[in-house]
């Protein structure tokens, strides 16, 4: 699993990750692991939100069926993440 984040991390950060992808057919799963809170949107529709109390060594991963949010062809996914920072 690859982890992504912004280049400069602040103590209290909100970050948006936006990307597009092509969907052809079949079941589509989204896997999300976030250090604190996140919200997911596909094609502008709210899909799911999550909140974690995990650690660096013990990550929690949400597995979400997003098939019903997809359309054939180009789709957009957006994750809005909140990071509390290390000072908590």
PDB file of N, CA and C in Angstrom:
ATOM      1  N   UNK A   1       0.849  -1.172   0.000  1.00  0.00           N
ATOM      2  CA  UNK A   1       0.000   0.000   0.000  1.00  0.00           C
ATOM      3  C   UNK A   1       0.896   1.237   0.000  1.00  0.00           C
ATOM      4  N   UNK A   2       0.530   2.209  -0.793  1.00  0.00           N
ATOM      5  CA  UNK A   2       1.271   3.468  -0.856  1.00  0.00           C
ATOM      6  C   UNK A   2       0.537   4.524  -0.040  1.00  0.00           C
ATOM      7  N   UNK A   3       1.279   5.300   0.699  1.00  0.00           N
ATOM      8  CA  UNK A   3       0.701   6.394   1.481  1.00  0.00           C
ATOM      9  C   UNK A   3       1.039   7.712   0.807  1.00  0.00           C
ATOM     10  N   UNK A   4       0.073   8.620   0.768  1.00  0.00           N
ATOM     11  CA  UNK A   4       0.289   9.941   0.174  1.00  0.00           C
ATOM     12  C   UNK A   4      -0.078  11.008   1.188  1.00  0.00           C
ATOM     13  N   UNK A   5       0.525  12.169   1.038  1.00  0.00           N
ATOM     14  CA  UNK A   5       0.185  13.325   1.862  1.00  0.00           C
ATOM     15  C   UNK A   5       0.729  14.561   1.172  1.00  0.00           C
ATOM     16  N   UNK A   6       0.429  15.713   1.702  1.00  0.00           N
ATOM     17  CA  UNK A   6       0.908  16.959   1.107  1.00  0.00           C
ATOM     18  C   UNK A   6       2.400  17.139   1.415  1.00  0.00           C
ATOM     19  N   UNK A   7       3.046  18.026   0.655  1.00  0.00           N
ATOM     20  CA  UNK A   7       4.485  18.231   0.841  1.00  0.00           C
ATOM     21  C   UNK A   7       4.817  18.846   2.188  1.00  0.00           C
ATOM     22  N   UNK A   8       4.017  19.829   2.626  1.00  0.00           N
ATOM     23  CA  UNK A   8       4.279  20.503   3.894  1.00  0.00           C
ATOM     24  C   UNK A   8       3.161  20.188   4.874  1.00  0.00           C
ATOM     25  N   UNK A   9       3.509  19.510   5.953  1.00  0.00           N
ATOM     26  CA  UNK A   9       2.511  19.124   6.944  1.00  0.00           C
ATOM     27  C   UNK A   9       2.457  20.152   8.068  1.00  0.00           C
ATOM     28  N   UNK A  10       1.279  20.649   8.325  1.00  0.00           N
ATOM     29  CA  UNK A  10       1.037  21.550   9.444  1.00  0.00           C
ATOM     30  C   UNK A  10       0.458  20.728  10.589  1.00  0.00           C
ATOM     31  N   UNK A  11       0.431  21.304  11.801  1.00  0.00           N
ATOM     32  CA  UNK A  11      -0.144  20.584  12.932  1.00  0.00           C
ATOM     33  C   UNK A  11      -1.593  20.196  12.662  1.00  0.00           C
ATOM     34  N   UNK A  12      -2.381  21.119  12.164  1.00  0.00           N
ATOM     35  CA  UNK A  12      -3.792  20.866  11.873  1.00  0.00           C
ATOM     36  C   UNK A  12      -4.007  21.142  10.393  1.00  0.00           C
ATOM     37  N   UNK A  13      -4.137  20.083   9.604  1.00  0.00           N
ATOM     38  CA  UNK A  13      -4.171  20.233   8.158  1.00  0.00           C
ATOM     39  C   UNK A  13      -5.426  19.619   7.559  1.00  0.00           C
ATOM     40  N   UNK A  14      -6.027  20.335   6.617  1.00  0.00           N
ATOM     41  CA  UNK A  14      -7.052  19.791   5.739  1.00  0.00           C
ATOM     42  C   UNK A  14      -6.437  19.710   4.356  1.00  0.00           C
ATOM     43  N   UNK A  15      -6.562  18.562   3.712  1.00  0.00           N
ATOM     44  CA  UNK A  15      -5.971  18.364   2.396  1.00  0.00           C
ATOM     45  C   UNK A  15      -7.005  17.685   1.503  1.00  0.00           C
ATOM     46  N   UNK A  16      -7.081  18.135   0.242  1.00  0.00           N
ATOM     47  CA  UNK A  16      -7.936  17.491  -0.751  1.00  0.00           C
ATOM     48  C   UNK A  16      -7.072  16.738  -1.750  1.00  0.00           C
ATOM     49  N   UNK A  17      -7.433  15.497  -1.987  1.00  0.00           N
ATOM     50  CA  UNK A  17      -6.799  14.691  -3.027  1.00  0.00           C
ATOM     51  C   UNK A  17      -7.864  14.450  -4.091  1.00  0.00           C
ATOM     52  N   UNK A  18      -7.600  14.878  -5.325  1.00  0.00           N
ATOM     53  CA  UNK A  18      -8.557  14.744  -6.415  1.00  0.00           C
ATOM     54  C   UNK A  18      -7.870  14.062  -7.585  1.00  0.00           C
ATOM     55  N   UNK A  19      -8.555  13.088  -8.164  1.00  0.00           N
ATOM     56  CA  UNK A  19      -8.006  12.389  -9.313  1.00  0.00           C
ATOM     57  C   UNK A  19      -9.161  11.896 -10.186  1.00  0.00           C
ATOM     58  N   UNK A  20      -8.849  11.558 -11.426  1.00  0.00           N
ATOM     59  CA  UNK A  20      -9.828  10.962 -12.323  1.00  0.00           C
ATOM     60  C   UNK A  20      -9.362   9.576 -12.730  1.00  0.00           C
ATOM     61  N   UNK A  21     -10.310   8.755 -13.093  1.00  0.00           N
ATOM     62  CA  UNK A  21     -10.006   7.399 -13.532  1.00  0.00           C
ATOM     63  C   UNK A  21     -11.110   6.933 -14.468  1.00  0.00           C
ATOM     64  N   UNK A  22     -10.807   5.897 -15.222  1.00  0.00           N
ATOM     65  CA  UNK A  22     -11.778   5.329 -16.157  1.00  0.00           C
ATOM     66  C   UNK A  22     -12.330   4.032 -15.585  1.00  0.00           C
ATOM     67  N   UNK A  23     -13.654   3.931 -15.577  1.00  0.00           N
ATOM     68  CA  UNK A  23     -14.342   2.727 -15.107  1.00  0.00           C
ATOM     69  C   UNK A  23     -14.992   2.058 -16.307  1.00  0.00           C
ATOM     70  N   UNK A  24     -14.801   0.736 -16.428  1.00  0.00           N
ATOM     71  CA  UNK A  24     -15.393   0.001 -17.537  1.00  0.00           C
ATOM     72  C   UNK A  24     -16.601  -0.795 -17.054  1.00  0.00           C
ATOM     73  N   UNK A  25     -16.389  -1.700 -16.088  1.00  0.00           N
ATOM     74  CA  UNK A  25     -17.501  -2.482 -15.545  1.00  0.00           C
ATOM     75  C   UNK A  25     -17.013  -3.304 -14.361  1.00  0.00           C
ATOM     76  N   UNK A  26     -17.949  -3.936 -13.671  1.00  0.00           N
ATOM     77  CA  UNK A  26     -17.625  -4.830 -12.565  1.00  0.00           C
ATOM     78  C   UNK A  26     -17.618  -4.132 -11.225  1.00  0.00           C
ATOM     79  N   UNK A  27     -17.360  -4.915 -10.191  1.00  0.00           N
ATOM     80  CA  UNK A  27     -17.327  -4.408  -8.826  1.00  0.00           C
ATOM     81  C   UNK A  27     -16.073  -3.556  -8.617  1.00  0.00           C
ATOM     82  N   UNK A  28     -16.240  -2.437  -7.939  1.00  0.00           N
ATOM     83  CA  UNK A  28     -15.110  -1.533  -7.666  1.00  0.00           C
ATOM     84  C   UNK A  28     -15.006  -1.305  -6.163  1.00  0.00           C
ATOM     85  N   UNK A  29     -13.836  -1.562  -5.623  1.00  0.00           N
ATOM     86  CA  UNK A  29     -13.574  -1.394  -4.192  1.00  0.00           C
ATOM     87  C   UNK A  29     -12.609  -0.227  -3.978  1.00  0.00           C
ATOM     88  N   UNK A  30     -12.855   0.541  -2.934  1.00  0.00           N
ATOM     89  CA  UNK A  30     -11.956   1.613  -2.511  1.00  0.00           C
ATOM     90  C   UNK A  30     -11.407   1.225  -1.148  1.00  0.00           C
ATOM     91  N   UNK A  31     -10.093   1.347  -0.991  1.00  0.00           N
ATOM     92  CA  UNK A  31      -9.430   1.061   0.285  1.00  0.00           C
ATOM     93  C   UNK A  31      -8.847   2.365   0.800  1.00  0.00           C
ATOM     94  N   UNK A  32      -9.221   2.741   2.037  1.00  0.00           N
ATOM     95  CA  UNK A  32      -8.761   4.001   2.610  1.00  0.00           C
ATOM     96  C   UNK A  32      -8.190   3.758   3.993  1.00  0.00           C
ATOM     97  N   UNK A  33      -7.013   4.330   4.218  1.00  0.00           N
ATOM     98  CA  UNK A  33      -6.408   4.354   5.545  1.00  0.00           C
ATOM     99  C   UNK A  33      -6.006   5.799   5.804  1.00  0.00           C
ATOM    100  N   UNK A  34      -6.495   6.362   6.876  1.00  0.00           N
ATOM    101  CA  UNK A  34      -6.216   7.760   7.183  1.00  0.00           C
ATOM    102  C   UNK A  34      -5.811   7.879   8.643  1.00  0.00           C
ATOM    103  N   UNK A  35      -4.912   8.806   8.933  1.00  0.00           N
ATOM    104  CA  UNK A  35      -4.438   8.922  10.311  1.00  0.00           C
ATOM    105  C   UNK A  35      -5.485   9.545  11.233  1.00  0.00           C
ATOM    106  N   UNK A  36      -6.400  10.332  10.688  1.00  0.00           N
ATOM    107  CA  UNK A  36      -7.480  10.881  11.510  1.00  0.00           C
ATOM    108  C   UNK A  36      -8.817  10.804  10.783  1.00  0.00           C
ATOM    109  N   UNK A  37      -9.303  11.873  10.189  1.00  0.00           N
ATOM    110  CA  UNK A  37     -10.622  11.894   9.563  1.00  0.00           C
ATOM    111  C   UNK A  37     -10.525  12.030   8.054  1.00  0.00           C
ATOM    112  N   UNK A  38     -11.516  11.485   7.354  1.00  0.00           N
ATOM    113  CA  UNK A  38     -11.582  11.663   5.908  1.00  0.00           C
ATOM    114  C   UNK A  38     -13.036  11.630   5.448  1.00  0.00           C
ATOM    115  N   UNK A  39     -13.287  12.228   4.288  1.00  0.00           N
ATOM    116  CA  UNK A  39     -14.572  12.132   3.603  1.00  0.00           C
ATOM    117  C   UNK A  39     -14.283  11.849   2.137  1.00  0.00           C
ATOM    118  N   UNK A  40     -15.093  10.990   1.536  1.00  0.00           N
ATOM    119  CA  UNK A  40     -14.881  10.586   0.152  1.00  0.00           C
ATOM    120  C   UNK A  40     -16.073  10.985  -0.708  1.00  0.00           C
ATOM    121  N   UNK A  41     -15.761  11.535  -1.892  1.00  0.00           N
ATOM    122  CA  UNK A  41     -16.776  11.898  -2.876  1.00  0.00           C
ATOM    123  C   UNK A  41     -16.392  11.277  -4.213  1.00  0.00           C
ATOM    124  N   UNK A  42     -17.385  10.750  -4.918  1.00  0.00           N
ATOM    125  CA  UNK A  42     -17.167  10.260  -6.273  1.00  0.00           C
ATOM    126  C   UNK A  42     -18.181  10.951  -7.173  1.00  0.00           C
ATOM    127  N   UNK A  43     -17.674  11.578  -8.229  1.00  0.00           N
ATOM    128  CA  UNK A  43     -18.504  12.325  -9.166  1.00  0.00           C
ATOM    129  C   UNK A  43     -19.397  13.343  -8.445  1.00  0.00           C
ATOM    130  N   UNK A  44     -18.838  13.970  -7.411  1.00  0.00           N
ATOM    131  CA  UNK A  44     -19.533  15.006  -6.672  1.00  0.00           C
ATOM    132  C   UNK A  44     -20.519  14.515  -5.631  1.00  0.00           C
ATOM    133  N   UNK A  45     -20.681  13.207  -5.484  1.00  0.00           N
ATOM    134  CA  UNK A  45     -21.621  12.643  -4.508  1.00  0.00           C
ATOM    135  C   UNK A  45     -20.866  12.113  -3.301  1.00  0.00           C
ATOM    136  N   UNK A  46     -21.364  12.437  -2.098  1.00  0.00           N
ATOM    137  CA  UNK A  46     -20.766  11.932  -0.871  1.00  0.00           C
ATOM    138  C   UNK A  46     -20.899  10.418  -0.831  1.00  0.00           C
ATOM    139  N   UNK A  47     -19.797   9.729  -0.513  1.00  0.00           N
ATOM    140  CA  UNK A  47     -19.791   8.273  -0.438  1.00  0.00           C
ATOM    141  C   UNK A  47     -19.706   7.807   1.009  1.00  0.00           C
ATOM    142  N   UNK A  48     -18.653   8.230   1.715  1.00  0.00           N
ATOM    143  CA  UNK A  48     -18.423   7.732   3.067  1.00  0.00           C
ATOM    144  C   UNK A  48     -17.437   8.650   3.785  1.00  0.00           C
ATOM    145  N   UNK A  49     -17.498   8.616   5.111  1.00  0.00           N
ATOM    146  CA  UNK A  49     -16.520   9.317   5.945  1.00  0.00           C
ATOM    147  C   UNK A  49     -16.009   8.337   6.986  1.00  0.00           C
ATOM    148  N   UNK A  50     -14.813   8.589   7.486  1.00  0.00           N
ATOM    149  CA  UNK A  50     -14.242   7.711   8.494  1.00  0.00           C
ATOM    150  C   UNK A  50     -13.391   8.477   9.479  1.00  0.00           C
ATOM    151  N   UNK A  51     -13.182   7.872  10.635  1.00  0.00           N
ATOM    152  CA  UNK A  51     -12.379   8.473  11.692  1.00  0.00           C
ATOM    153  C   UNK A  51     -11.571   7.366  12.343  1.00  0.00           C
ATOM    154  N   UNK A  52     -10.295   7.642  12.614  1.00  0.00           N
ATOM    155  CA  UNK A  52      -9.417   6.609  13.132  1.00  0.00           C
ATOM    156  C   UNK A  52      -8.659   7.040  14.376  1.00  0.00           C
ATOM    157  N   UNK A  53      -8.340   6.047  15.152  1.00  0.00           N
ATOM    158  CA  UNK A  53      -7.426   6.213  16.284  1.00  0.00           C
ATOM    159  C   UNK A  53      -6.313   5.186  16.135  1.00  0.00           C
ATOM    160  N   UNK A  54      -5.845   5.011  14.891  1.00  0.00           N
ATOM    161  CA  UNK A  54      -4.817   4.002  14.676  1.00  0.00           C
ATOM    162  C   UNK A  54      -3.434   4.582  14.937  1.00  0.00           C
ATOM    163  N   UNK A  55      -2.435   3.722  14.796  1.00  0.00           N
ATOM    164  CA  UNK A  55      -1.060   4.135  15.016  1.00  0.00           C
ATOM    165  C   UNK A  55      -0.258   3.903  13.736  1.00  0.00           C
ATOM    166  N   UNK A  56       0.961   4.390  13.705  1.00  0.00           N
ATOM    167  CA  UNK A  56       1.818   4.203  12.537  1.00  0.00           C
ATOM    168  C   UNK A  56       2.038   2.715  12.262  1.00  0.00           C
ATOM    169  N   UNK A  57       2.185   1.934  13.312  1.00  0.00           N
ATOM    170  CA  UNK A  57       2.455   0.503  13.154  1.00  0.00           C
ATOM    171  C   UNK A  57       1.187  -0.332  12.952  1.00  0.00           C
ATOM    172  N   UNK A  58       0.035   0.178  13.386  1.00  0.00           N
ATOM    173  CA  UNK A  58      -1.218  -0.578  13.298  1.00  0.00           C
ATOM    174  C   UNK A  58      -2.259   0.252  12.571  1.00  0.00           C
ATOM    175  N   UNK A  59      -2.258   0.158  11.243  1.00  0.00           N
ATOM    176  CA  UNK A  59      -3.178   0.932  10.418  1.00  0.00           C
ATOM    177  C   UNK A  59      -4.527   0.229  10.293  1.00  0.00           C
ATOM    178  N   UNK A  60      -5.576   1.021  10.261  1.00  0.00           N
ATOM    179  CA  UNK A  60      -6.928   0.546  10.006  1.00  0.00           C
ATOM    180  C   UNK A  60      -7.245   0.880   8.549  1.00  0.00           C
ATOM    181  N   UNK A  61      -7.848  -0.055   7.840  1.00  0.00           N
ATOM    182  CA  UNK A  61      -8.167   0.171   6.430  1.00  0.00           C
ATOM    183  C   UNK A  61      -9.652  -0.059   6.210  1.00  0.00           C
ATOM    184  N   UNK A  62     -10.347   0.955   5.681  1.00  0.00           N
ATOM    185  CA  UNK A  62     -11.744   0.800   5.285  1.00  0.00           C
ATOM    186  C   UNK A  62     -11.786   0.207   3.886  1.00  0.00           C
ATOM    187  N   UNK A  63     -12.672  -0.740   3.678  1.00  0.00           N
ATOM    188  CA  UNK A  63     -12.896  -1.341   2.370  1.00  0.00           C
ATOM    189  C   UNK A  63     -14.328  -1.000   1.974  1.00  0.00           C
ATOM    190  N   UNK A  64     -14.493  -0.181   0.926  1.00  0.00           N
ATOM    191  CA  UNK A  64     -15.794   0.364   0.565  1.00  0.00           C
ATOM    192  C   UNK A  64     -16.152  -0.041  -0.865  1.00  0.00           C
ATOM    193  N   UNK A  65     -17.341  -0.596  -1.056  1.00  0.00           N
ATOM    194  CA  UNK A  65     -17.837  -0.910  -2.392  1.00  0.00           C
ATOM    195  C   UNK A  65     -18.386   0.389  -2.985  1.00  0.00           C
ATOM    196  N   UNK A  66     -17.747   0.898  -4.024  1.00  0.00           N
ATOM    197  CA  UNK A  66     -18.142   2.176  -4.637  1.00  0.00           C
ATOM    198  C   UNK A  66     -18.784   1.981  -6.012  1.00  0.00           C
ATOM    199  N   UNK A  67     -19.118   0.757  -6.363  1.00  0.00           N
ATOM    200  CA  UNK A  67     -19.639   0.450  -7.690  1.00  0.00           C
ATOM    201  C   UNK A  67     -20.850   1.313  -8.043  1.00  0.00           C
ATOM    202  N   UNK A  68     -21.772   1.495  -7.121  1.00  0.00           N
ATOM    203  CA  UNK A  68     -23.014   2.229  -7.422  1.00  0.00           C
ATOM    204  C   UNK A  68     -22.781   3.723  -7.661  1.00  0.00           C
ATOM    205  N   UNK A  69     -21.616   4.247  -7.323  1.00  0.00           N
ATOM    206  CA  UNK A  69     -21.298   5.666  -7.529  1.00  0.00           C
ATOM    207  C   UNK A  69     -20.606   5.919  -8.870  1.00  0.00           C
ATOM    208  N   UNK A  70     -20.270   4.866  -9.574  1.00  0.00           N
ATOM    209  CA  UNK A  70     -19.483   4.995 -10.797  1.00  0.00           C
ATOM    210  C   UNK A  70     -20.355   4.987 -12.041  1.00  0.00           C
ATOM    211  N   UNK A  71     -19.842   5.631 -13.081  1.00  0.00           N
ATOM    212  CA  UNK A  71     -20.465   5.598 -14.401  1.00  0.00           C
ATOM    213  C   UNK A  71     -19.417   5.073 -15.385  1.00  0.00           C
ATOM    214  N   UNK A  72     -19.874   4.481 -16.451  1.00  0.00           N
ATOM    215  CA  UNK A  72     -18.948   4.003 -17.473  1.00  0.00           C
ATOM    216  C   UNK A  72     -18.203   5.194 -18.058  1.00  0.00           C
ATOM    217  N   UNK A  73     -16.889   5.070 -18.145  1.00  0.00           N
ATOM    218  CA  UNK A  73     -16.066   6.156 -18.667  1.00  0.00           C
ATOM    219  C   UNK A  73     -15.336   6.889 -17.555  1.00  0.00           C
ATOM    220  N   UNK A  74     -15.151   8.172 -17.744  1.00  0.00           N
ATOM    221  CA  UNK A  74     -14.357   8.991 -16.822  1.00  0.00           C
ATOM    222  C   UNK A  74     -15.125   9.283 -15.534  1.00  0.00           C
ATOM    223  N   UNK A  75     -14.453   9.127 -14.384  1.00  0.00           N
ATOM    224  CA  UNK A  75     -15.003   9.400 -13.052  1.00  0.00           C
ATOM    225  C   UNK A  75     -14.004  10.238 -12.274  1.00  0.00           C
ATOM    226  N   UNK A  76     -14.508  10.968 -11.288  1.00  0.00           N
ATOM    227  CA  UNK A  76     -13.633  11.765 -10.422  1.00  0.00           C
ATOM    228  C   UNK A  76     -13.809  11.307  -8.979  1.00  0.00           C
ATOM    229  N   UNK A  77     -12.694  11.153  -8.289  1.00  0.00           N
ATOM    230  CA  UNK A  77     -12.714  10.827  -6.864  1.00  0.00           C
ATOM    231  C   UNK A  77     -12.027  11.949  -6.102  1.00  0.00           C
ATOM    232  N   UNK A  78     -12.620  12.299  -4.947  1.00  0.00           N
ATOM    233  CA  UNK A  78     -12.031  13.331  -4.088  1.00  0.00           C
ATOM    234  C   UNK A  78     -12.055  12.823  -2.649  1.00  0.00           C
ATOM    235  N   UNK A  79     -10.908  12.880  -1.999  1.00  0.00           N
ATOM    236  CA  UNK A  79     -10.816  12.593  -0.575  1.00  0.00           C
ATOM    237  C   UNK A  79     -10.401  13.874   0.130  1.00  0.00           C
ATOM    238  N   UNK A  80     -11.162  14.250   1.133  1.00  0.00           N
ATOM    239  CA  UNK A  80     -10.808  15.391   1.973  1.00  0.00           C
ATOM    240  C   UNK A  80     -10.364  14.807   3.304  1.00  0.00           C
ATOM    241  N   UNK A  81      -9.141  15.112   3.676  1.00  0.00           N
ATOM    242  CA  UNK A  81      -8.548  14.520   4.875  1.00  0.00           C
ATOM    243  C   UNK A  81      -8.191  15.588   5.893  1.00  0.00           C
ATOM    244  N   UNK A  82      -8.342  15.235   7.151  1.00  0.00           N
ATOM    245  CA  UNK A  82      -7.947  16.110   8.257  1.00  0.00           C
ATOM    246  C   UNK A  82      -6.869  15.391   9.055  1.00  0.00           C
ATOM    247  N   UNK A  83      -5.789  16.098   9.307  1.00  0.00           N
ATOM    248  CA  UNK A  83      -4.684  15.544  10.105  1.00  0.00           C
ATOM    249  C   UNK A  83      -4.470  16.452  11.321  1.00  0.00           C
ATOM    250  N   UNK A  84      -4.554  15.860  12.509  1.00  0.00           N
ATOM    251  CA  UNK A  84      -4.433  16.629  13.738  1.00  0.00           C
ATOM    252  C   UNK A  84      -2.992  17.021  14.060  1.00  0.00           C
ATOM    253  N   UNK A  85      -2.035  16.288  13.553  1.00  0.00           N
ATOM    254  CA  UNK A  85      -0.632  16.574  13.863  1.00  0.00           C
ATOM    255  C   UNK A  85      -0.158  15.711  15.005  1.00  0.00           C
ATOM    256  N   UNK A  86       1.110  15.849  15.342  1.00  0.00           N
ATOM    257  CA  UNK A  86       1.705  15.012  16.379  1.00  0.00           C
ATOM    258  C   UNK A  86       1.526  15.536  17.782  1.00  0.00           C
ATOM    259  N   UNK A  87       1.020  16.727  17.915  1.00  0.00           N
ATOM    260  CA  UNK A  87       0.950  17.383  19.222  1.00  0.00           C
ATOM    261  C   UNK A  87      -0.441  17.209  19.824  1.00  0.00           C
ATOM    262  N   UNK A  88      -0.825  15.973  20.127  1.00  0.00           N
ATOM    263  CA  UNK A  88      -2.153  15.724  20.685  1.00  0.00           C
ATOM    264  C   UNK A  88      -2.088  14.825  21.905  1.00  0.00           C
TER     265      UNK A  88
END
